[in-house]
Amino acid sequence: MAGAIQVPGLRDERPDGTGRRASLTAAYVLIAAVAMLFAAFTSALVVRRGLSDDWVSLRLPPVLWGNTAVLLASSAALEAALRSLRSGRRDAFNRYWTAGAALGLLFLAGQFLAWRQLQAAGVYLATNPSSSFFYVLSVAHALHLFGGICALLYIAAQALRFRLGPGKRTAVEVARLYWHFLAGLWLYVLLLFQLWG
């Protein structure tokens, strides 16, 4: 198939490559759907902010910046894992991939801490429109990230049991792609609230 994405060192699980192409196509469809959801939230935020006089800009908890660094480190660990897998270093892959998954869990714990800090400061879902949008966007992101963490943990478990054959290697690429998208999406949400929140 013309235009198919080829990743050096990773083989298709089927000789004709259809399984890999189908998996990547499904990943791109999922990413497009999530992007459209967040585009709709963004549009609603911009319209609501422009139509109201009750908008109070939200002061983001400082923990979110450290949390962002944790998520970016998680993405970097997955990149290192993929490089290790391509070069045949399975033990290094296991370490990096497991670290990436653990950092993802740490990010979710940090999000929970940020929500608790907001609540301690008296900022709840219904406090004002800005806080409502922040909670909705950050919780929606966390739910999608939880799905990504489930995929990362599944692959980590398979890798530790040395069951990472060609079919699972496609799963590695798909999970990595989705994870990087979620990291970029989180940066977008932070930027949105810095500029408009």
C-alpha atoms as a PDB file:
ATOM      1  CA  MET A   1       0.000   0.000   0.000  1.00  0.00           C
ATOM      2  CA  ALA A   2       1.452   3.342  -1.030  1.00  0.00           C
ATOM      3  CA  GLY A   3       2.084   5.788   1.786  1.00  0.00           C
ATOM      4  CA  ALA A   4       2.144   3.132   4.510  1.00  0.00           C
ATOM      5  CA  ILE A   5       4.292   4.014   7.474  1.00  0.00           C
ATOM      6  CA  GLN A   6       7.330   1.773   7.805  1.00  0.00           C
ATOM      7  CA  VAL A   7       9.338   1.653  11.012  1.00  0.00           C
ATOM      8  CA  PRO A   8      12.819   0.158  10.571  1.00  0.00           C
ATOM      9  CA  GLY A   9      13.441  -2.864  12.749  1.00  0.00           C
ATOM     10  CA  LEU A  10       9.771  -3.615  13.399  1.00  0.00           C
ATOM     11  CA  ARG A  11       8.153  -6.336  11.283  1.00  0.00           C
ATOM     12  CA  ASP A  12       4.484  -6.753  10.472  1.00  0.00           C
ATOM     13  CA  GLU A  13       2.678  -9.618  12.137  1.00  0.00           C
ATOM     14  CA  ARG A  14       1.350 -10.654   8.701  1.00  0.00           C
ATOM     15  CA  PRO A  15       3.560 -11.141   5.663  1.00  0.00           C
ATOM     16  CA  ASP A  16       1.533  -8.654   3.618  1.00  0.00           C
ATOM     17  CA  GLY A  17       1.667  -5.964   6.337  1.00  0.00           C
ATOM     18  CA  THR A  18      -2.117  -5.551   6.568  1.00  0.00           C
ATOM     19  CA  GLY A  19      -2.230  -6.036  10.348  1.00  0.00           C
ATOM     20  CA  ARG A  20       0.249  -3.233  10.945  1.00  0.00           C
ATOM     21  CA  ARG A  21      -1.486  -0.868   8.539  1.00  0.00           C
ATOM     22  CA  ALA A  22      -4.872  -1.592  10.087  1.00  0.00           C
ATOM     23  CA  SER A  23      -3.526  -0.980  13.596  1.00  0.00           C
ATOM     24  CA  LEU A  24      -1.917   2.320  12.621  1.00  0.00           C
ATOM     25  CA  THR A  25      -5.050   3.419  10.774  1.00  0.00           C
ATOM     26  CA  ALA A  26      -7.127   2.673  13.878  1.00  0.00           C
ATOM     27  CA  ALA A  27      -4.673   4.678  15.989  1.00  0.00           C
ATOM     28  CA  TYR A  28      -4.920   7.657  13.654  1.00  0.00           C
ATOM     29  CA  VAL A  29      -8.735   7.478  13.694  1.00  0.00           C
ATOM     30  CA  LEU A  30      -8.682   7.423  17.518  1.00  0.00           C
ATOM     31  CA  ILE A  31      -6.280  10.360  17.620  1.00  0.00           C
ATOM     32  CA  ALA A  32      -8.475  12.317  15.182  1.00  0.00           C
ATOM     33  CA  ALA A  33     -11.574  11.616  17.296  1.00  0.00           C
ATOM     34  CA  VAL A  34      -9.869  12.750  20.511  1.00  0.00           C
ATOM     35  CA  ALA A  35      -8.494  15.847  18.757  1.00  0.00           C
ATOM     36  CA  MET A  36     -12.006  16.721  17.561  1.00  0.00           C
ATOM     37  CA  LEU A  37     -13.363  16.328  21.086  1.00  0.00           C
ATOM     38  CA  PHE A  38     -10.777  18.738  22.464  1.00  0.00           C
ATOM     39  CA  ALA A  39     -11.340  21.116  19.534  1.00  0.00           C
ATOM     40  CA  ALA A  40     -15.036  21.190  20.474  1.00  0.00           C
ATOM     41  CA  PHE A  41     -14.143  21.891  24.120  1.00  0.00           C
ATOM     42  CA  THR A  42     -11.802  24.674  22.982  1.00  0.00           C
ATOM     43  CA  SER A  43     -14.471  26.242  20.798  1.00  0.00           C
ATOM     44  CA  ALA A  44     -16.956  26.133  23.686  1.00  0.00           C
ATOM     45  CA  LEU A  45     -14.372  27.692  26.025  1.00  0.00           C
ATOM     46  CA  VAL A  46     -13.596  30.567  23.640  1.00  0.00           C
ATOM     47  CA  VAL A  47     -17.287  31.287  22.974  1.00  0.00           C
ATOM     48  CA  ARG A  48     -18.246  31.064  26.677  1.00  0.00           C
ATOM     49  CA  ARG A  49     -15.376  33.321  27.680  1.00  0.00           C
ATOM     50  CA  GLY A  50     -16.345  35.907  25.085  1.00  0.00           C
ATOM     51  CA  LEU A  51     -20.026  35.945  26.015  1.00  0.00           C
ATOM     52  CA  SER A  52     -19.745  36.237  29.764  1.00  0.00           C
ATOM     53  CA  ASP A  53     -18.841  38.800  32.354  1.00  0.00           C
ATOM     54  CA  ASP A  54     -18.507  36.150  35.079  1.00  0.00           C
ATOM     55  CA  TRP A  55     -15.272  34.651  33.738  1.00  0.00           C
ATOM     56  CA  VAL A  56     -12.539  34.585  36.380  1.00  0.00           C
ATOM     57  CA  SER A  57      -9.125  33.490  35.134  1.00  0.00           C
ATOM     58  CA  LEU A  58      -7.944  30.334  36.811  1.00  0.00           C
ATOM     59  CA  ARG A  59      -4.607  30.277  38.563  1.00  0.00           C
ATOM     60  CA  LEU A  60      -3.125  26.886  37.779  1.00  0.00           C
ATOM     61  CA  PRO A  61      -1.535  24.943  40.658  1.00  0.00           C
ATOM     62  CA  PRO A  62       2.287  24.948  40.372  1.00  0.00           C
ATOM     63  CA  VAL A  63       2.344  21.144  40.631  1.00  0.00           C
ATOM     64  CA  LEU A  64       1.078  21.024  37.045  1.00  0.00           C
ATOM     65  CA  TRP A  65       4.449  22.182  35.708  1.00  0.00           C
ATOM     66  CA  GLY A  66       6.328  19.395  37.459  1.00  0.00           C
ATOM     67  CA  ASN A  67       3.610  17.031  36.374  1.00  0.00           C
ATOM     68  CA  THR A  68       4.143  18.116  32.770  1.00  0.00           C
ATOM     69  CA  ALA A  69       7.853  17.341  33.081  1.00  0.00           C
ATOM     70  CA  VAL A  70       6.926  13.846  34.325  1.00  0.00           C
ATOM     71  CA  LEU A  71       4.711  13.260  31.278  1.00  0.00           C
ATOM     72  CA  LEU A  72       7.425  14.447  28.890  1.00  0.00           C
ATOM     73  CA  ALA A  73       9.946  12.177  30.642  1.00  0.00           C
ATOM     74  CA  SER A  74       7.519   9.317  30.129  1.00  0.00           C
ATOM     75  CA  SER A  75       7.413  10.029  26.384  1.00  0.00           C
ATOM     76  CA  ALA A  76      11.218  10.181  26.294  1.00  0.00           C
ATOM     77  CA  ALA A  77      11.390   6.796  28.059  1.00  0.00           C
ATOM     78  CA  LEU A  78       9.113   5.249  25.423  1.00  0.00           C
ATOM     79  CA  GLU A  79      11.351   6.629  22.664  1.00  0.00           C
ATOM     80  CA  ALA A  80      14.397   5.110  24.343  1.00  0.00           C
ATOM     81  CA  ALA A  81      12.483   1.830  24.674  1.00  0.00           C
ATOM     82  CA  LEU A  82      11.673   1.760  20.969  1.00  0.00           C
ATOM     83  CA  ARG A  83      15.303   2.454  20.041  1.00  0.00           C
ATOM     84  CA  SER A  84      16.346  -0.397  22.337  1.00  0.00           C
ATOM     85  CA  LEU A  85      13.832  -2.759  20.760  1.00  0.00           C
ATOM     86  CA  ARG A  86      14.980  -1.868  17.253  1.00  0.00           C
ATOM     87  CA  SER A  87      18.580  -2.631  18.205  1.00  0.00           C
ATOM     88  CA  GLY A  88      17.635  -5.942  19.821  1.00  0.00           C
ATOM     89  CA  ARG A  89      18.310  -4.907  23.432  1.00  0.00           C
ATOM     90  CA  ARG A  90      15.257  -6.478  25.048  1.00  0.00           C
ATOM     91  CA  ASP A  91      16.353  -5.905  28.658  1.00  0.00           C
ATOM     92  CA  ALA A  92      16.830  -2.189  27.988  1.00  0.00           C
ATOM     93  CA  PHE A  93      13.428  -2.091  26.267  1.00  0.00           C
ATOM     94  CA  ASN A  94      11.810  -3.637  29.341  1.00  0.00           C
ATOM     95  CA  ARG A  95      13.437  -1.097  31.667  1.00  0.00           C
ATOM     96  CA  TYR A  96      12.594   1.949  29.561  1.00  0.00           C
ATOM     97  CA  TRP A  97       9.053   0.865  28.738  1.00  0.00           C
ATOM     98  CA  THR A  98       8.268   0.011  32.363  1.00  0.00           C
ATOM     99  CA  ALA A  99       9.727   3.380  33.439  1.00  0.00           C
ATOM    100  CA  GLY A 100       7.523   5.135  30.877  1.00  0.00           C
ATOM    101  CA  ALA A 101       4.431   3.381  32.224  1.00  0.00           C
ATOM    102  CA  ALA A 102       5.401   4.164  35.835  1.00  0.00           C
ATOM    103  CA  LEU A 103       5.918   7.833  34.958  1.00  0.00           C
ATOM    104  CA  GLY A 104       2.469   7.830  33.343  1.00  0.00           C
ATOM    105  CA  LEU A 105       0.981   6.583  36.601  1.00  0.00           C
ATOM    106  CA  LEU A 106       2.925   9.263  38.459  1.00  0.00           C
ATOM    107  CA  PHE A 107       1.447  11.882  36.108  1.00  0.00           C
ATOM    108  CA  LEU A 108      -2.069  10.699  36.961  1.00  0.00           C
ATOM    109  CA  ALA A 109      -1.253  10.873  40.676  1.00  0.00           C
ATOM    110  CA  GLY A 110       0.033  14.416  40.104  1.00  0.00           C
ATOM    111  CA  GLN A 111      -3.221  15.340  38.368  1.00  0.00           C
ATOM    112  CA  PHE A 112      -5.167  14.087  41.355  1.00  0.00           C
ATOM    113  CA  LEU A 113      -2.917  16.213  43.595  1.00  0.00           C
ATOM    114  CA  ALA A 114      -3.554  19.278  41.396  1.00  0.00           C
ATOM    115  CA  TRP A 115      -7.315  18.778  41.651  1.00  0.00           C
ATOM    116  CA  ARG A 116      -7.000  18.435  45.431  1.00  0.00           C
ATOM    117  CA  GLN A 117      -4.941  21.655  45.584  1.00  0.00           C
ATOM    118  CA  LEU A 118      -7.607  23.473  43.582  1.00  0.00           C
ATOM    119  CA  GLN A 119     -10.300  22.201  45.928  1.00  0.00           C
ATOM    120  CA  ALA A 120      -8.251  23.245  48.963  1.00  0.00           C
ATOM    121  CA  ALA A 121      -8.105  26.731  47.445  1.00  0.00           C
ATOM    122  CA  GLY A 122     -11.906  26.713  47.081  1.00  0.00           C
ATOM    123  CA  VAL A 123     -11.910  26.138  43.323  1.00  0.00           C
ATOM    124  CA  TYR A 124     -14.430  23.500  42.309  1.00  0.00           C
ATOM    125  CA  LEU A 125     -16.109  22.399  39.101  1.00  0.00           C
ATOM    126  CA  ALA A 126     -18.942  24.920  39.511  1.00  0.00           C
ATOM    127  CA  THR A 127     -16.910  27.799  41.009  1.00  0.00           C
ATOM    128  CA  ASN A 128     -16.799  29.721  37.719  1.00  0.00           C
ATOM    129  CA  PRO A 129     -16.750  28.950  33.985  1.00  0.00           C
ATOM    130  CA  SER A 130     -12.956  28.848  33.834  1.00  0.00           C
ATOM    131  CA  SER A 131     -12.678  26.254  36.603  1.00  0.00           C
ATOM    132  CA  SER A 132     -15.452  24.222  34.968  1.00  0.00           C
ATOM    133  CA  PHE A 133     -13.556  24.079  31.694  1.00  0.00           C
ATOM    134  CA  PHE A 134     -10.302  23.216  33.430  1.00  0.00           C
ATOM    135  CA  TYR A 135     -11.832  20.309  35.311  1.00  0.00           C
ATOM    136  CA  VAL A 136     -13.635  19.014  32.214  1.00  0.00           C
ATOM    137  CA  LEU A 137     -10.541  19.238  29.994  1.00  0.00           C
ATOM    138  CA  SER A 138      -8.101  17.833  32.539  1.00  0.00           C
ATOM    139  CA  VAL A 139     -10.411  14.967  33.535  1.00  0.00           C
ATOM    140  CA  ALA A 140     -11.122  14.128  29.880  1.00  0.00           C
ATOM    141  CA  HIS A 141      -7.375  14.082  29.250  1.00  0.00           C
ATOM    142  CA  ALA A 142      -6.764  11.921  32.329  1.00  0.00           C
ATOM    143  CA  LEU A 143      -9.378   9.388  31.186  1.00  0.00           C
ATOM    144  CA  HIS A 144      -7.739   9.074  27.784  1.00  0.00           C
ATOM    145  CA  LEU A 145      -4.343   8.845  29.472  1.00  0.00           C
ATOM    146  CA  PHE A 146      -5.622   6.053  31.718  1.00  0.00           C
ATOM    147  CA  GLY A 147      -6.495   4.077  28.588  1.00  0.00           C
ATOM    148  CA  GLY A 148      -2.979   4.703  27.305  1.00  0.00           C
ATOM    149  CA  ILE A 149      -1.490   3.524  30.601  1.00  0.00           C
ATOM    150  CA  CYS A 150      -3.480   0.279  30.352  1.00  0.00           C
ATOM    151  CA  ALA A 151      -1.901  -0.294  26.918  1.00  0.00           C
ATOM    152  CA  LEU A 152       1.580   0.532  28.262  1.00  0.00           C
ATOM    153  CA  LEU A 153       1.171  -1.846  31.190  1.00  0.00           C
ATOM    154  CA  TYR A 154      -0.111  -4.630  28.932  1.00  0.00           C
ATOM    155  CA  ILE A 155       2.925  -4.294  26.677  1.00  0.00           C
ATOM    156  CA  ALA A 156       5.262  -4.112  29.699  1.00  0.00           C
ATOM    157  CA  ALA A 157       3.781  -7.334  31.077  1.00  0.00           C
ATOM    158  CA  GLN A 158       4.154  -9.066  27.708  1.00  0.00           C
ATOM    159  CA  ALA A 159       7.731  -7.836  27.350  1.00  0.00           C
ATOM    160  CA  LEU A 160       8.720  -9.013  30.821  1.00  0.00           C
ATOM    161  CA  ARG A 161       7.344 -12.462  29.934  1.00  0.00           C
ATOM    162  CA  PHE A 162       9.296 -12.379  26.626  1.00  0.00           C
ATOM    163  CA  ARG A 163       6.109 -12.469  24.570  1.00  0.00           C
ATOM    164  CA  LEU A 164       6.893  -9.476  22.418  1.00  0.00           C
ATOM    165  CA  GLY A 165       6.687 -11.064  18.980  1.00  0.00           C
ATOM    166  CA  PRO A 166       6.016  -9.201  15.723  1.00  0.00           C
ATOM    167  CA  GLY A 167       2.319  -8.670  16.519  1.00  0.00           C
ATOM    168  CA  LYS A 168       3.122  -7.078  19.858  1.00  0.00           C
ATOM    169  CA  ARG A 169       5.736  -4.890  18.220  1.00  0.00           C
ATOM    170  CA  THR A 170       2.972  -3.241  16.236  1.00  0.00           C
ATOM    171  CA  ALA A 171       1.207  -2.649  19.560  1.00  0.00           C
ATOM    172  CA  VAL A 172       4.405  -0.993  20.822  1.00  0.00           C
ATOM    173  CA  GLU A 173       4.385   1.450  17.921  1.00  0.00           C
ATOM    174  CA  VAL A 174       0.660   2.199  18.235  1.00  0.00           C
ATOM    175  CA  ALA A 175       0.836   2.728  22.012  1.00  0.00           C
ATOM    176  CA  ARG A 176       3.890   4.966  21.625  1.00  0.00           C
ATOM    177  CA  LEU A 177       2.155   7.057  18.957  1.00  0.00           C
ATOM    178  CA  TYR A 178      -0.966   7.509  21.086  1.00  0.00           C
ATOM    179  CA  TRP A 179       1.116   8.357  24.166  1.00  0.00           C
ATOM    180  CA  HIS A 180       3.064  11.062  22.343  1.00  0.00           C
ATOM    181  CA  PHE A 181      -0.231  12.503  21.110  1.00  0.00           C
ATOM    182  CA  LEU A 182      -1.538  12.638  24.696  1.00  0.00           C
ATOM    183  CA  ALA A 183       1.638  14.390  25.857  1.00  0.00           C
ATOM    184  CA  GLY A 184       1.202  16.987  23.110  1.00  0.00           C
ATOM    185  CA  LEU A 185      -2.474  17.331  23.972  1.00  0.00           C
ATOM    186  CA  TRP A 186      -1.602  18.050  27.606  1.00  0.00           C
ATOM    187  CA  LEU A 187       0.812  20.793  26.519  1.00  0.00           C
ATOM    188  CA  TYR A 188      -2.016  22.246  24.428  1.00  0.00           C
ATOM    189  CA  VAL A 189      -4.409  22.230  27.417  1.00  0.00           C
ATOM    190  CA  LEU A 190      -1.841  24.031  29.589  1.00  0.00           C
ATOM    191  CA  LEU A 191      -1.172  26.612  26.886  1.00  0.00           C
ATOM    192  CA  LEU A 192      -4.899  27.125  26.402  1.00  0.00           C
ATOM    193  CA  PHE A 193      -5.352  27.945  30.076  1.00  0.00           C
ATOM    194  CA  GLN A 194      -2.291  30.162  30.153  1.00  0.00           C
ATOM    195  CA  LEU A 195      -3.692  32.223  27.281  1.00  0.00           C
ATOM    196  CA  TRP A 196      -7.460  31.997  27.785  1.00  0.00           C
ATOM    197  CA  GLY A 197      -8.138  30.441  31.201  1.00  0.00           C
END
